[in-house]
Amino acid sequence: MAIQIDALKCGHVENCMGGGLCIKICEQGALVEENGDVKIISENCDDCGLCITSCLNQAISKI
C-alpha cells in the first residue's frame, strides 16, 4: 500500500489536533517530521494502516 498526505488537510505538525500522532504511532519510521511537515519514507512503510486510522484530520490515505 502506498500512502499519501493531503497537505491542506494536514497543515503542520504544530497545528495537528493529534500532536503528530501519525509520526509517533508509526513503529517503522515511515513518517517523519521535516520542517514542520509530515513526510513519508515509503520504503519503511509496512502497510499496517495505523497512520490512516490515527489521523484526526483524515489527511492520510491510500493511493
Protein backbone atom coordinates (compact mmCIF):
# COMPACT_ATOMS: atom_id res chain seq x y z
CA MET A 1 0.00 0.00 0.00
CA ALA A 2 1.28 3.40 -0.86
CA ILE A 3 0.05 6.32 1.21
CA GLN A 4 -0.27 9.99 0.52
CA ILE A 5 -0.68 13.01 2.76
CA ASP A 6 -3.06 15.81 1.85
CA ALA A 7 -1.03 18.87 2.87
CA LEU A 8 -4.10 21.10 3.04
CA LYS A 9 -5.86 18.79 5.50
CA CYS A 10 -2.72 18.03 7.46
CA GLY A 11 -1.37 21.51 7.96
CA HIS A 12 1.80 21.45 10.02
CA VAL A 13 2.71 19.20 12.93
CA GLU A 14 2.45 22.11 15.39
CA ASN A 15 -1.18 22.68 14.26
CA CYS A 16 -2.13 19.00 14.38
CA MET A 17 -5.01 18.15 16.72
CA GLY A 18 -3.23 14.87 17.48
CA GLY A 19 0.17 16.46 18.02
CA GLY A 20 1.77 14.46 15.22
CA LEU A 21 0.22 11.19 16.37
CA CYS A 22 0.81 9.58 12.98
CA ILE A 23 4.56 10.07 13.40
CA LYS A 24 4.52 8.79 16.98
CA ILE A 25 2.42 5.71 16.19
CA CYS A 26 4.49 4.55 13.20
CA GLU A 27 6.77 1.81 14.52
CA GLN A 28 8.58 1.54 11.18
CA GLY A 29 9.69 5.18 11.00
CA ALA A 30 7.85 5.67 7.71
CA LEU A 31 6.52 9.07 8.79
CA VAL A 32 8.87 11.79 9.94
CA GLU A 33 8.69 15.50 10.62
CA GLU A 34 10.65 17.66 8.20
CA ASN A 35 10.48 21.44 8.51
CA GLY A 36 7.16 21.14 10.37
CA ASP A 37 5.56 18.93 7.71
CA VAL A 38 4.90 15.19 7.76
CA LYS A 39 6.99 13.37 5.17
CA ILE A 40 6.68 9.76 4.02
CA ILE A 41 9.62 7.38 3.76
CA SER A 42 7.79 4.86 1.60
CA GLU A 43 10.46 2.15 1.74
CA ASN A 44 9.91 1.95 5.53
CA CYS A 45 6.12 1.54 5.27
CA ASP A 46 4.89 -1.95 6.10
CA ASP A 47 1.26 -1.29 5.08
CA CYS A 48 -0.14 -1.53 8.61
CA GLY A 49 -2.56 1.40 8.11
CA LEU A 50 -2.18 2.79 11.64
CA CYS A 51 -1.32 6.24 10.32
CA ILE A 52 -4.53 6.35 8.30
CA THR A 53 -6.75 5.40 11.23
CA SER A 54 -4.90 7.62 13.71
CA CYS A 55 -5.00 10.85 11.67
CA LEU A 56 -7.62 13.10 13.27
CA ASN A 57 -7.60 15.38 10.23
CA GLN A 58 -8.18 12.48 7.80
CA ALA A 59 -5.18 13.75 5.84
CA ILE A 60 -3.58 10.35 5.16
CA SER A 61 -4.99 7.94 2.60
CA LYS A 62 -4.07 5.04 0.36
CA ILE A 63 -3.08 5.81 -3.19
